[in-house]
Amino acid sequence: MGRALASGDRGATRHEALVNAAFADVPTTILCPYTTAGLDAAVLADAETTHPQLLGNGRTGVSPRYAGAAAALAIAARRLPSAPRGAEEVSFGAGGLPGLRRLVRERAVSAGLSGERAEDLTIAVNEAASNTVSHTRAPGTLRMWQDATAFVCEICDTGQILDPMAGRRPAAAAGNGGHGLHVVNQVCDLVELRTGPWGTAVRMHMDRA
């Protein structure tokens, strides 16, 4: 998550906002260190909304901007920036998953991922696409592209995920679903999820280095 925080990624801010919900029933204290001299002002401002208390210069105080899980819900409802021009786009349905897996693995290897990391990304895309096939009626869409550091795959569909913790619970505890998204979060370097009445987008990044 360090790369995401350094770049001001909203997915990392959403993740931090959900930490408090995840540990709400656990008697524990979590300290998140921030290097204020090396991070953008926007990243530090986001930290104030996701941490109930702030420690600085030897003093601890209540964060007046703390928003609880509301910050995570607000971020999740915002659409991601559009895929770059030239991104490869493929529509898929219930019978198209085998071909989708072959295509993702081929493109991932061509982008410079090792065989193992290409396989991990293929598994993640398959899990996200399987959710589309299982829980939505309309065909889903896969988009793929390279950015400066990663190979990126995005699955979009018309469904909406109502549980803000979906995919963030251990598999054994996710009796109400979310196992596929849990796998996605485990194997990818960065996962951005956005969901609302307009649909759901799961953007999976795998570093090429």
N, C-alpha and C. Protein backbone atom coordinates (compact mmCIF):
# COMPACT_ATOMS: atom_id res chain seq x y z
N MET A 1 0.81 -1.20 0.00
CA MET A 1 0.00 0.00 0.00
C MET A 1 0.86 1.26 0.00
N GLY A 2 2.18 1.11 0.26
CA GLY A 2 3.04 2.28 0.31
C GLY A 2 3.06 3.05 -1.00
N ARG A 3 3.15 2.31 -2.14
CA ARG A 3 3.17 2.99 -3.43
C ARG A 3 1.89 3.78 -3.66
N ALA A 4 0.77 3.18 -3.27
CA ALA A 4 -0.51 3.84 -3.46
C ALA A 4 -0.63 5.10 -2.61
N LEU A 5 -0.17 5.03 -1.35
CA LEU A 5 -0.23 6.20 -0.49
C LEU A 5 0.65 7.32 -1.03
N ALA A 6 1.84 6.96 -1.48
CA ALA A 6 2.76 7.98 -1.99
C ALA A 6 2.19 8.69 -3.20
N SER A 7 1.39 8.00 -3.99
CA SER A 7 0.84 8.60 -5.19
C SER A 7 -0.52 9.24 -4.95
N GLY A 8 -1.01 9.19 -3.69
CA GLY A 8 -2.29 9.79 -3.39
C GLY A 8 -3.48 8.97 -3.88
N ASP A 9 -3.31 7.67 -4.04
CA ASP A 9 -4.38 6.83 -4.56
C ASP A 9 -5.56 6.80 -3.60
N ARG A 10 -6.77 6.98 -4.12
CA ARG A 10 -7.97 6.99 -3.30
C ARG A 10 -8.29 5.61 -2.75
N GLY A 11 -7.86 4.56 -3.45
CA GLY A 11 -8.09 3.22 -2.96
C GLY A 11 -7.37 2.98 -1.64
N ALA A 12 -6.17 3.52 -1.49
CA ALA A 12 -5.44 3.38 -0.24
C ALA A 12 -6.14 4.12 0.88
N THR A 13 -6.68 5.30 0.58
CA THR A 13 -7.43 6.05 1.59
C THR A 13 -8.67 5.28 2.01
N ARG A 14 -9.35 4.68 1.04
CA ARG A 14 -10.53 3.85 1.35
C ARG A 14 -10.15 2.68 2.23
N HIS A 15 -9.02 2.06 1.94
CA HIS A 15 -8.54 0.93 2.74
C HIS A 15 -8.32 1.37 4.18
N GLU A 16 -7.68 2.50 4.38
CA GLU A 16 -7.41 2.97 5.74
C GLU A 16 -8.69 3.33 6.47
N ALA A 17 -9.68 3.86 5.76
CA ALA A 17 -10.95 4.20 6.40
C ALA A 17 -11.66 2.96 6.89
N LEU A 18 -11.46 1.82 6.21
CA LEU A 18 -12.14 0.58 6.59
C LEU A 18 -11.40 -0.18 7.70
N VAL A 19 -10.16 0.20 7.99
CA VAL A 19 -9.42 -0.47 9.05
C VAL A 19 -10.15 -0.35 10.38
N ASN A 20 -10.69 0.85 10.65
CA ASN A 20 -11.40 1.05 11.91
C ASN A 20 -12.63 0.16 12.02
N ALA A 21 -13.34 -0.01 10.90
CA ALA A 21 -14.50 -0.90 10.91
C ALA A 21 -14.08 -2.36 11.10
N ALA A 22 -12.96 -2.74 10.47
CA ALA A 22 -12.49 -4.12 10.56
C ALA A 22 -12.10 -4.50 11.98
N PHE A 23 -11.56 -3.53 12.74
CA PHE A 23 -11.08 -3.82 14.09
C PHE A 23 -11.99 -3.25 15.17
N ALA A 24 -13.22 -2.92 14.80
CA ALA A 24 -14.13 -2.27 15.75
C ALA A 24 -14.38 -3.12 16.99
N ASP A 25 -14.42 -4.44 16.84
CA ASP A 25 -14.72 -5.32 17.97
C ASP A 25 -13.48 -5.96 18.57
N VAL A 26 -12.32 -5.46 18.19
CA VAL A 26 -11.06 -6.03 18.69
C VAL A 26 -10.36 -5.01 19.59
N PRO A 27 -10.01 -5.39 20.82
CA PRO A 27 -9.32 -4.46 21.73
C PRO A 27 -7.88 -4.24 21.30
N THR A 28 -7.68 -3.33 20.41
CA THR A 28 -6.33 -3.10 19.89
C THR A 28 -6.14 -1.64 19.54
N THR A 29 -4.91 -1.22 19.48
CA THR A 29 -4.55 0.13 19.05
C THR A 29 -3.59 0.02 17.87
N ILE A 30 -3.85 0.77 16.82
CA ILE A 30 -3.03 0.71 15.61
C ILE A 30 -2.40 2.08 15.38
N LEU A 31 -1.11 2.10 15.16
CA LEU A 31 -0.39 3.34 14.87
C LEU A 31 0.04 3.33 13.42
N CYS A 32 -0.33 4.35 12.67
CA CYS A 32 0.06 4.48 11.26
C CYS A 32 1.06 5.62 11.13
N PRO A 33 2.35 5.32 10.89
CA PRO A 33 3.35 6.38 10.78
C PRO A 33 3.31 7.06 9.41
N TYR A 34 3.33 8.37 9.40
CA TYR A 34 3.38 9.15 8.17
C TYR A 34 4.60 10.08 8.22
N THR A 35 5.36 10.10 7.11
CA THR A 35 6.49 11.03 6.99
C THR A 35 5.95 12.32 6.38
N THR A 36 5.65 13.28 7.20
CA THR A 36 4.97 14.48 6.72
C THR A 36 5.80 15.27 5.73
N ALA A 37 7.13 15.13 5.83
CA ALA A 37 7.99 15.90 4.91
C ALA A 37 8.03 15.29 3.52
N GLY A 38 7.61 14.03 3.37
CA GLY A 38 7.76 13.37 2.08
C GLY A 38 6.46 13.04 1.38
N LEU A 39 5.34 13.45 1.95
CA LEU A 39 4.04 13.12 1.35
C LEU A 39 3.30 14.39 0.94
N ASP A 40 2.45 14.26 -0.10
CA ASP A 40 1.66 15.40 -0.56
C ASP A 40 0.68 15.84 0.51
N ALA A 41 0.32 17.11 0.46
CA ALA A 41 -0.63 17.66 1.43
C ALA A 41 -1.97 16.93 1.35
N ALA A 42 -2.36 16.51 0.12
CA ALA A 42 -3.64 15.82 -0.04
C ALA A 42 -3.64 14.48 0.67
N VAL A 43 -2.50 13.78 0.68
CA VAL A 43 -2.39 12.50 1.36
C VAL A 43 -2.54 12.70 2.86
N LEU A 44 -1.89 13.73 3.39
CA LEU A 44 -1.97 14.01 4.82
C LEU A 44 -3.38 14.45 5.22
N ALA A 45 -4.04 15.20 4.34
CA ALA A 45 -5.42 15.61 4.62
C ALA A 45 -6.34 14.40 4.66
N ASP A 46 -6.13 13.46 3.74
CA ASP A 46 -6.92 12.23 3.75
C ASP A 46 -6.69 11.45 5.04
N ALA A 47 -5.45 11.45 5.53
CA ALA A 47 -5.14 10.72 6.77
C ALA A 47 -5.93 11.29 7.94
N GLU A 48 -6.19 12.57 7.92
CA GLU A 48 -6.97 13.17 9.01
C GLU A 48 -8.41 12.71 8.99
N THR A 49 -8.92 12.34 7.81
CA THR A 49 -10.31 11.87 7.73
C THR A 49 -10.45 10.40 8.09
N THR A 50 -9.34 9.65 8.07
CA THR A 50 -9.41 8.20 8.30
C THR A 50 -8.83 7.77 9.65
N HIS A 51 -8.30 8.72 10.43
CA HIS A 51 -7.73 8.38 11.74
C HIS A 51 -8.42 9.21 12.82
N PRO A 52 -9.01 8.55 13.81
CA PRO A 52 -9.73 9.29 14.85
C PRO A 52 -8.84 10.15 15.73
N GLN A 53 -7.56 9.78 15.85
CA GLN A 53 -6.63 10.56 16.65
C GLN A 53 -5.36 10.82 15.86
N LEU A 54 -4.72 11.93 16.15
CA LEU A 54 -3.48 12.32 15.49
C LEU A 54 -2.39 12.52 16.53
N LEU A 55 -1.20 12.05 16.21
CA LEU A 55 -0.04 12.20 17.08
C LEU A 55 1.03 12.95 16.32
N GLY A 56 1.48 14.06 16.86
CA GLY A 56 2.52 14.84 16.19
C GLY A 56 3.19 15.77 17.18
N ASN A 57 4.49 15.92 17.04
CA ASN A 57 5.26 16.80 17.94
C ASN A 57 5.07 16.40 19.40
N GLY A 58 4.93 15.08 19.62
CA GLY A 58 4.82 14.61 20.99
C GLY A 58 3.46 14.77 21.62
N ARG A 59 2.47 15.23 20.86
CA ARG A 59 1.14 15.44 21.42
C ARG A 59 0.09 14.64 20.65
N THR A 60 -0.91 14.16 21.37
CA THR A 60 -2.01 13.41 20.77
C THR A 60 -3.30 14.20 20.90
N GLY A 61 -4.09 14.21 19.83
CA GLY A 61 -5.35 14.93 19.87
C GLY A 61 -6.38 14.30 18.94
N VAL A 62 -7.63 14.65 19.14
CA VAL A 62 -8.71 14.14 18.30
C VAL A 62 -8.66 14.82 16.94
N SER A 63 -8.83 14.02 15.87
CA SER A 63 -8.84 14.59 14.52
C SER A 63 -10.22 15.19 14.25
N PRO A 64 -10.31 16.50 14.04
CA PRO A 64 -11.62 17.11 13.79
C PRO A 64 -12.22 16.72 12.44
N ARG A 65 -11.41 16.14 11.56
CA ARG A 65 -11.89 15.79 10.22
C ARG A 65 -12.24 14.31 10.11
N TYR A 66 -12.10 13.55 11.17
CA TYR A 66 -12.36 12.11 11.11
C TYR A 66 -13.80 11.84 10.68
N ALA A 67 -13.95 10.96 9.67
CA ALA A 67 -15.28 10.71 9.09
C ALA A 67 -15.72 9.27 9.22
N GLY A 68 -14.95 8.41 9.88
CA GLY A 68 -15.33 7.02 10.03
C GLY A 68 -15.44 6.32 8.69
N ALA A 69 -16.38 5.36 8.61
CA ALA A 69 -16.55 4.60 7.37
C ALA A 69 -17.16 5.44 6.25
N ALA A 70 -17.70 6.61 6.59
CA ALA A 70 -18.32 7.45 5.57
C ALA A 70 -17.32 7.83 4.48
N ALA A 71 -16.07 8.01 4.86
CA ALA A 71 -15.04 8.35 3.87
C ALA A 71 -14.86 7.22 2.87
N ALA A 72 -14.87 5.98 3.37
CA ALA A 72 -14.71 4.82 2.49
C ALA A 72 -15.89 4.68 1.54
N LEU A 73 -17.09 4.88 2.05
CA LEU A 73 -18.29 4.77 1.21
C LEU A 73 -18.30 5.84 0.13
N ALA A 74 -17.89 7.05 0.48
CA ALA A 74 -17.88 8.14 -0.49
C ALA A 74 -16.88 7.87 -1.61
N ILE A 75 -15.70 7.37 -1.26
CA ILE A 75 -14.69 7.07 -2.27
C ILE A 75 -15.16 5.94 -3.18
N ALA A 76 -15.74 4.90 -2.58
CA ALA A 76 -16.16 3.74 -3.36
C ALA A 76 -17.23 4.09 -4.38
N ALA A 77 -18.02 5.12 -4.10
CA ALA A 77 -19.12 5.48 -5.00
C ALA A 77 -18.67 6.34 -6.18
N ARG A 78 -17.42 6.81 -6.16
CA ARG A 78 -16.93 7.65 -7.25
C ARG A 78 -16.34 6.78 -8.36
N ARG A 79 -16.64 7.12 -9.57
CA ARG A 79 -16.08 6.37 -10.70
C ARG A 79 -14.57 6.58 -10.79
N LEU A 80 -13.88 5.55 -11.25
CA LEU A 80 -12.45 5.66 -11.51
C LEU A 80 -12.21 6.51 -12.76
N PRO A 81 -11.03 7.09 -12.90
CA PRO A 81 -10.70 7.76 -14.17
C PRO A 81 -10.82 6.76 -15.32
N SER A 82 -11.18 7.25 -16.48
CA SER A 82 -11.36 6.38 -17.63
C SER A 82 -10.07 5.67 -17.99
N ALA A 83 -10.20 4.48 -18.55
CA ALA A 83 -9.03 3.77 -19.07
C ALA A 83 -8.37 4.61 -20.16
N PRO A 84 -7.07 4.51 -20.32
CA PRO A 84 -6.39 5.33 -21.33
C PRO A 84 -6.82 4.97 -22.75
N ARG A 85 -6.68 5.93 -23.63
CA ARG A 85 -6.99 5.68 -25.04
C ARG A 85 -6.06 4.56 -25.55
N GLY A 86 -6.64 3.65 -26.27
CA GLY A 86 -5.85 2.53 -26.79
C GLY A 86 -5.92 1.29 -25.92
N ALA A 87 -6.58 1.37 -24.76
CA ALA A 87 -6.73 0.18 -23.93
C ALA A 87 -7.51 -0.89 -24.68
N GLU A 88 -7.07 -2.13 -24.55
CA GLU A 88 -7.78 -3.24 -25.19
C GLU A 88 -9.07 -3.52 -24.44
N GLU A 89 -10.17 -3.71 -25.15
CA GLU A 89 -11.47 -3.92 -24.52
C GLU A 89 -12.15 -5.17 -25.08
N VAL A 90 -12.64 -6.00 -24.17
CA VAL A 90 -13.28 -7.26 -24.56
C VAL A 90 -14.56 -7.43 -23.74
N SER A 91 -15.66 -7.76 -24.40
CA SER A 91 -16.89 -8.11 -23.70
C SER A 91 -16.93 -9.62 -23.47
N PHE A 92 -17.53 -10.04 -22.35
CA PHE A 92 -17.57 -11.47 -22.05
C PHE A 92 -18.88 -11.83 -21.37
N GLY A 93 -19.25 -13.08 -21.50
CA GLY A 93 -20.43 -13.63 -20.85
C GLY A 93 -20.10 -14.92 -20.17
N ALA A 94 -21.13 -15.70 -19.84
CA ALA A 94 -20.94 -16.91 -19.05
C ALA A 94 -20.01 -17.92 -19.71
N GLY A 95 -20.05 -18.02 -21.04
CA GLY A 95 -19.23 -19.02 -21.70
C GLY A 95 -17.86 -18.52 -22.12
N GLY A 96 -17.54 -17.28 -21.79
CA GLY A 96 -16.31 -16.69 -22.29
C GLY A 96 -15.14 -16.68 -21.34
N LEU A 97 -15.28 -17.27 -20.14
CA LEU A 97 -14.20 -17.18 -19.15
C LEU A 97 -12.92 -17.91 -19.57
N PRO A 98 -12.98 -19.12 -20.15
CA PRO A 98 -11.72 -19.76 -20.56
C PRO A 98 -10.92 -18.91 -21.54
N GLY A 99 -11.60 -18.36 -22.54
CA GLY A 99 -10.90 -17.51 -23.50
C GLY A 99 -10.37 -16.26 -22.86
N LEU A 100 -11.12 -15.72 -21.89
CA LEU A 100 -10.67 -14.52 -21.18
C LEU A 100 -9.39 -14.80 -20.41
N ARG A 101 -9.32 -15.94 -19.76
CA ARG A 101 -8.12 -16.30 -19.00
C ARG A 101 -6.91 -16.43 -19.92
N ARG A 102 -7.10 -17.08 -21.06
CA ARG A 102 -5.98 -17.24 -22.00
C ARG A 102 -5.49 -15.88 -22.50
N LEU A 103 -6.42 -14.99 -22.79
CA LEU A 103 -6.05 -13.68 -23.31
C LEU A 103 -5.30 -12.86 -22.27
N VAL A 104 -5.78 -12.87 -21.04
CA VAL A 104 -5.12 -12.10 -19.98
C VAL A 104 -3.70 -12.60 -19.75
N ARG A 105 -3.54 -13.92 -19.68
CA ARG A 105 -2.20 -14.45 -19.44
C ARG A 105 -1.26 -14.11 -20.59
N GLU A 106 -1.74 -14.20 -21.81
CA GLU A 106 -0.91 -13.88 -22.97
C GLU A 106 -0.48 -12.41 -22.94
N ARG A 107 -1.43 -11.52 -22.66
CA ARG A 107 -1.12 -10.09 -22.64
C ARG A 107 -0.20 -9.74 -21.47
N ALA A 108 -0.40 -10.40 -20.33
CA ALA A 108 0.43 -10.13 -19.16
C ALA A 108 1.88 -10.53 -19.40
N VAL A 109 2.10 -11.68 -20.00
CA VAL A 109 3.46 -12.13 -20.31
C VAL A 109 4.09 -11.19 -21.33
N SER A 110 3.31 -10.77 -22.33
CA SER A 110 3.82 -9.84 -23.33
C SER A 110 4.20 -8.50 -22.71
N ALA A 111 3.52 -8.13 -21.62
CA ALA A 111 3.81 -6.86 -20.95
C ALA A 111 5.04 -6.95 -20.06
N GLY A 112 5.60 -8.16 -19.89
CA GLY A 112 6.82 -8.30 -19.11
C GLY A 112 6.65 -8.95 -17.76
N LEU A 113 5.44 -9.42 -17.42
CA LEU A 113 5.27 -10.11 -16.15
C LEU A 113 5.88 -11.50 -16.23
N SER A 114 6.43 -11.96 -15.13
CA SER A 114 6.94 -13.33 -15.08
C SER A 114 5.76 -14.29 -15.19
N GLY A 115 6.06 -15.56 -15.48
CA GLY A 115 4.99 -16.53 -15.61
C GLY A 115 4.14 -16.64 -14.37
N GLU A 116 4.77 -16.62 -13.17
CA GLU A 116 4.03 -16.74 -11.92
C GLU A 116 3.13 -15.54 -11.68
N ARG A 117 3.66 -14.34 -11.94
CA ARG A 117 2.86 -13.13 -11.71
C ARG A 117 1.76 -13.00 -12.76
N ALA A 118 2.03 -13.43 -13.97
CA ALA A 118 0.98 -13.44 -14.99
C ALA A 118 -0.14 -14.39 -14.59
N GLU A 119 0.24 -15.52 -14.00
CA GLU A 119 -0.77 -16.48 -13.55
C GLU A 119 -1.59 -15.91 -12.40
N ASP A 120 -0.94 -15.20 -11.46
CA ASP A 120 -1.66 -14.58 -10.36
C ASP A 120 -2.68 -13.56 -10.88
N LEU A 121 -2.26 -12.75 -11.84
CA LEU A 121 -3.17 -11.76 -12.39
C LEU A 121 -4.33 -12.44 -13.13
N THR A 122 -4.03 -13.51 -13.83
CA THR A 122 -5.08 -14.27 -14.52
C THR A 122 -6.10 -14.81 -13.53
N ILE A 123 -5.63 -15.32 -12.40
CA ILE A 123 -6.53 -15.81 -11.35
C ILE A 123 -7.41 -14.67 -10.84
N ALA A 124 -6.81 -13.50 -10.60
CA ALA A 124 -7.56 -12.36 -10.09
C ALA A 124 -8.64 -11.92 -11.07
N VAL A 125 -8.27 -11.81 -12.34
CA VAL A 125 -9.26 -11.41 -13.35
C VAL A 125 -10.37 -12.44 -13.45
N ASN A 126 -10.01 -13.71 -13.39
CA ASN A 126 -11.02 -14.76 -13.47
C ASN A 126 -12.01 -14.66 -12.30
N GLU A 127 -11.51 -14.37 -11.10
CA GLU A 127 -12.40 -14.24 -9.94
C GLU A 127 -13.35 -13.06 -10.11
N ALA A 128 -12.82 -11.92 -10.56
CA ALA A 128 -13.67 -10.74 -10.75
C ALA A 128 -14.69 -10.99 -11.86
N ALA A 129 -14.25 -11.62 -12.95
CA ALA A 129 -15.15 -11.90 -14.07
C ALA A 129 -16.20 -12.94 -13.68
N SER A 130 -15.83 -13.90 -12.85
CA SER A 130 -16.78 -14.90 -12.39
C SER A 130 -17.88 -14.27 -11.55
N ASN A 131 -17.52 -13.26 -10.75
CA ASN A 131 -18.52 -12.52 -10.00
C ASN A 131 -19.51 -11.83 -10.94
N THR A 132 -18.98 -11.27 -12.03
CA THR A 132 -19.84 -10.63 -13.01
C THR A 132 -20.84 -11.63 -13.59
N VAL A 133 -20.32 -12.78 -13.99
CA VAL A 133 -21.18 -13.80 -14.60
C VAL A 133 -22.21 -14.32 -13.61
N SER A 134 -21.82 -14.45 -12.34
CA SER A 134 -22.71 -15.04 -11.34
C SER A 134 -23.76 -14.07 -10.82
N HIS A 135 -23.42 -12.78 -10.78
CA HIS A 135 -24.29 -11.84 -10.06
C HIS A 135 -24.91 -10.75 -10.92
N THR A 136 -24.60 -10.70 -12.20
CA THR A 136 -25.21 -9.69 -13.07
C THR A 136 -25.78 -10.37 -14.31
N ARG A 137 -26.69 -9.68 -14.98
CA ARG A 137 -27.31 -10.25 -16.17
C ARG A 137 -26.61 -9.79 -17.45
N ALA A 138 -26.21 -8.54 -17.48
CA ALA A 138 -25.61 -8.01 -18.70
C ALA A 138 -24.19 -8.55 -18.88
N PRO A 139 -23.66 -8.59 -20.10
CA PRO A 139 -22.25 -8.98 -20.29
C PRO A 139 -21.32 -8.04 -19.54
N GLY A 140 -20.18 -8.57 -19.13
CA GLY A 140 -19.16 -7.75 -18.49
C GLY A 140 -18.16 -7.26 -19.51
N THR A 141 -17.29 -6.34 -19.07
CA THR A 141 -16.26 -5.77 -19.94
C THR A 141 -14.90 -5.89 -19.27
N LEU A 142 -13.92 -6.39 -20.01
CA LEU A 142 -12.52 -6.42 -19.57
C LEU A 142 -11.75 -5.37 -20.36
N ARG A 143 -10.97 -4.56 -19.64
CA ARG A 143 -10.05 -3.62 -20.29
C ARG A 143 -8.64 -3.89 -19.78
N MET A 144 -7.65 -3.78 -20.67
CA MET A 144 -6.26 -4.04 -20.31
C MET A 144 -5.36 -2.98 -20.92
N TRP A 145 -4.35 -2.56 -20.13
CA TRP A 145 -3.37 -1.60 -20.65
C TRP A 145 -2.13 -1.60 -19.76
N GLN A 146 -1.09 -0.96 -20.26
CA GLN A 146 0.14 -0.76 -19.49
C GLN A 146 0.24 0.70 -19.10
N ASP A 147 0.69 0.97 -17.85
CA ASP A 147 1.07 2.32 -17.49
C ASP A 147 2.58 2.35 -17.24
N ALA A 148 3.08 3.37 -16.59
CA ALA A 148 4.52 3.52 -16.44
C ALA A 148 5.15 2.38 -15.64
N THR A 149 4.39 1.77 -14.73
CA THR A 149 4.99 0.77 -13.85
C THR A 149 4.28 -0.58 -13.84
N ALA A 150 3.06 -0.65 -14.34
CA ALA A 150 2.26 -1.85 -14.13
C ALA A 150 1.48 -2.25 -15.38
N PHE A 151 1.05 -3.51 -15.38
CA PHE A 151 0.06 -3.98 -16.32
C PHE A 151 -1.27 -3.98 -15.58
N VAL A 152 -2.30 -3.42 -16.19
CA VAL A 152 -3.56 -3.17 -15.50
C VAL A 152 -4.70 -3.89 -16.22
N CYS A 153 -5.53 -4.55 -15.44
CA CYS A 153 -6.76 -5.17 -15.95
C CYS A 153 -7.94 -4.63 -15.17
N GLU A 154 -9.02 -4.36 -15.87
CA GLU A 154 -10.21 -3.82 -15.23
C GLU A 154 -11.44 -4.61 -15.67
N ILE A 155 -12.23 -5.05 -14.71
CA ILE A 155 -13.51 -5.72 -14.98
C ILE A 155 -14.63 -4.77 -14.59
N CYS A 156 -15.55 -4.51 -15.52
CA CYS A 156 -16.69 -3.64 -15.26
C CYS A 156 -17.99 -4.38 -15.55
N ASP A 157 -19.01 -4.13 -14.74
CA ASP A 157 -20.33 -4.71 -15.00
C ASP A 157 -21.40 -3.81 -14.43
N THR A 158 -22.65 -4.26 -14.48
CA THR A 158 -23.78 -3.43 -14.06
C THR A 158 -24.22 -3.71 -12.63
N GLY A 159 -23.53 -4.59 -11.91
CA GLY A 159 -23.90 -4.92 -10.54
C GLY A 159 -23.42 -3.88 -9.55
N GLN A 160 -23.90 -3.98 -8.32
CA GLN A 160 -23.48 -3.08 -7.25
C GLN A 160 -23.15 -3.91 -6.02
N ILE A 161 -22.01 -3.61 -5.38
CA ILE A 161 -21.59 -4.30 -4.17
C ILE A 161 -21.98 -3.43 -2.98
N LEU A 162 -22.86 -3.94 -2.12
CA LEU A 162 -23.39 -3.15 -1.02
C LEU A 162 -22.56 -3.25 0.26
N ASP A 163 -21.80 -4.32 0.40
CA ASP A 163 -20.99 -4.53 1.60
C ASP A 163 -19.65 -3.82 1.45
N PRO A 164 -19.36 -2.77 2.23
CA PRO A 164 -18.09 -2.06 2.08
C PRO A 164 -16.88 -2.91 2.44
N MET A 165 -17.07 -4.02 3.18
CA MET A 165 -15.97 -4.88 3.57
C MET A 165 -15.82 -6.08 2.66
N ALA A 166 -16.56 -6.15 1.58
CA ALA A 166 -16.48 -7.28 0.66
C ALA A 166 -15.05 -7.46 0.15
N GLY A 167 -14.54 -8.68 0.27
CA GLY A 167 -13.19 -8.97 -0.19
C GLY A 167 -12.10 -8.63 0.79
N ARG A 168 -12.46 -8.09 1.95
CA ARG A 168 -11.46 -7.66 2.93
C ARG A 168 -11.48 -8.50 4.20
N ARG A 169 -12.37 -9.47 4.26
CA ARG A 169 -12.41 -10.38 5.39
C ARG A 169 -11.66 -11.66 5.02
N PRO A 170 -11.06 -12.36 6.00
CA PRO A 170 -10.47 -13.67 5.71
C PRO A 170 -11.52 -14.58 5.10
N ALA A 171 -11.09 -15.45 4.20
CA ALA A 171 -12.03 -16.30 3.47
C ALA A 171 -12.93 -17.10 4.40
N ALA A 172 -12.39 -17.59 5.52
CA ALA A 172 -13.18 -18.40 6.44
C ALA A 172 -14.31 -17.62 7.09
N ALA A 173 -14.13 -16.29 7.19
CA ALA A 173 -15.13 -15.46 7.85
C ALA A 173 -16.11 -14.85 6.87
N ALA A 174 -15.86 -15.03 5.58
CA ALA A 174 -16.69 -14.38 4.57
C ALA A 174 -17.83 -15.30 4.15
N GLY A 175 -18.64 -15.72 5.12
CA GLY A 175 -19.72 -16.63 4.81
C GLY A 175 -20.80 -16.02 3.94
N ASN A 176 -20.84 -14.67 3.90
CA ASN A 176 -21.86 -13.99 3.10
C ASN A 176 -21.33 -13.59 1.73
N GLY A 177 -20.25 -14.23 1.27
CA GLY A 177 -19.70 -13.92 -0.04
C GLY A 177 -18.42 -13.11 0.08
N GLY A 178 -17.87 -12.73 -1.06
CA GLY A 178 -16.66 -11.92 -1.06
C GLY A 178 -15.38 -12.73 -1.20
N HIS A 179 -15.50 -14.07 -1.34
CA HIS A 179 -14.28 -14.89 -1.44
C HIS A 179 -13.46 -14.51 -2.67
N GLY A 180 -14.13 -14.33 -3.82
CA GLY A 180 -13.41 -13.99 -5.04
C GLY A 180 -12.66 -12.68 -4.91
N LEU A 181 -13.30 -11.66 -4.34
CA LEU A 181 -12.63 -10.37 -4.16
C LEU A 181 -11.50 -10.48 -3.15
N HIS A 182 -11.64 -11.38 -2.18
CA HIS A 182 -10.55 -11.60 -1.23
C HIS A 182 -9.32 -12.11 -1.95
N VAL A 183 -9.51 -13.05 -2.87
CA VAL A 183 -8.39 -13.56 -3.67
C VAL A 183 -7.77 -12.45 -4.49
N VAL A 184 -8.60 -11.63 -5.11
CA VAL A 184 -8.11 -10.51 -5.93
C VAL A 184 -7.20 -9.61 -5.10
N ASN A 185 -7.64 -9.26 -3.89
CA ASN A 185 -6.85 -8.39 -3.02
C ASN A 185 -5.55 -9.03 -2.57
N GLN A 186 -5.53 -10.36 -2.47
CA GLN A 186 -4.34 -11.04 -1.99
C GLN A 186 -3.25 -11.13 -3.05
N VAL A 187 -3.61 -11.28 -4.31
CA VAL A 187 -2.59 -11.58 -5.33
C VAL A 187 -2.14 -10.37 -6.13
N CYS A 188 -2.89 -9.28 -6.12
CA CYS A 188 -2.53 -8.10 -6.92
C CYS A 188 -1.75 -7.09 -6.09
N ASP A 189 -0.94 -6.28 -6.76
CA ASP A 189 -0.17 -5.26 -6.06
C ASP A 189 -1.03 -4.09 -5.63
N LEU A 190 -2.06 -3.79 -6.38
CA LEU A 190 -2.99 -2.72 -6.03
C LEU A 190 -4.34 -3.04 -6.64
N VAL A 191 -5.40 -2.90 -5.86
CA VAL A 191 -6.76 -3.12 -6.34
C VAL A 191 -7.59 -1.88 -6.04
N GLU A 192 -8.24 -1.36 -7.06
CA GLU A 192 -9.15 -0.23 -6.89
C GLU A 192 -10.56 -0.71 -7.22
N LEU A 193 -11.48 -0.56 -6.26
CA LEU A 193 -12.86 -0.99 -6.47
C LEU A 193 -13.78 0.21 -6.32
N ARG A 194 -14.66 0.38 -7.29
CA ARG A 194 -15.67 1.43 -7.22
C ARG A 194 -17.02 0.80 -7.54
N THR A 195 -18.05 1.18 -6.82
CA THR A 195 -19.36 0.57 -7.02
C THR A 195 -20.46 1.54 -6.65
N GLY A 196 -21.54 1.51 -7.40
CA GLY A 196 -22.68 2.38 -7.16
C GLY A 196 -23.84 1.96 -8.04
N PRO A 197 -24.91 2.77 -8.06
CA PRO A 197 -26.06 2.43 -8.91
C PRO A 197 -25.69 2.30 -10.38
N TRP A 198 -24.60 2.90 -10.77
CA TRP A 198 -24.13 2.84 -12.17
C TRP A 198 -23.43 1.52 -12.50
N GLY A 199 -23.02 0.74 -11.48
CA GLY A 199 -22.32 -0.50 -11.74
C GLY A 199 -21.10 -0.66 -10.85
N THR A 200 -20.22 -1.58 -11.21
CA THR A 200 -19.02 -1.86 -10.42
C THR A 200 -17.81 -1.95 -11.35
N ALA A 201 -16.68 -1.41 -10.89
CA ALA A 201 -15.41 -1.53 -11.59
C ALA A 201 -14.36 -2.05 -10.62
N VAL A 202 -13.64 -3.09 -11.03
CA VAL A 202 -12.53 -3.63 -10.23
C VAL A 202 -11.28 -3.50 -11.09
N ARG A 203 -10.38 -2.61 -10.68
CA ARG A 203 -9.16 -2.34 -11.43
C ARG A 203 -7.98 -2.96 -10.71
N MET A 204 -7.29 -3.90 -11.39
CA MET A 204 -6.22 -4.69 -10.79
C MET A 204 -4.87 -4.34 -11.41
N HIS A 205 -3.91 -3.92 -10.57
CA HIS A 205 -2.59 -3.52 -11.04
C HIS A 205 -1.57 -4.59 -10.63
N MET A 206 -0.70 -4.94 -11.57
CA MET A 206 0.40 -5.86 -11.28
C MET A 206 1.69 -5.21 -11.77
N ASP A 207 2.58 -4.87 -10.84
CA ASP A 207 3.82 -4.19 -11.19
C ASP A 207 4.63 -5.05 -12.16
N ARG A 208 5.23 -4.38 -13.17
CA ARG A 208 6.01 -5.09 -14.17
C ARG A 208 7.46 -5.27 -13.76
N ALA A 209 7.92 -4.50 -12.78
CA ALA A 209 9.33 -4.59 -12.35
C ALA A 209 9.56 -5.90 -11.63
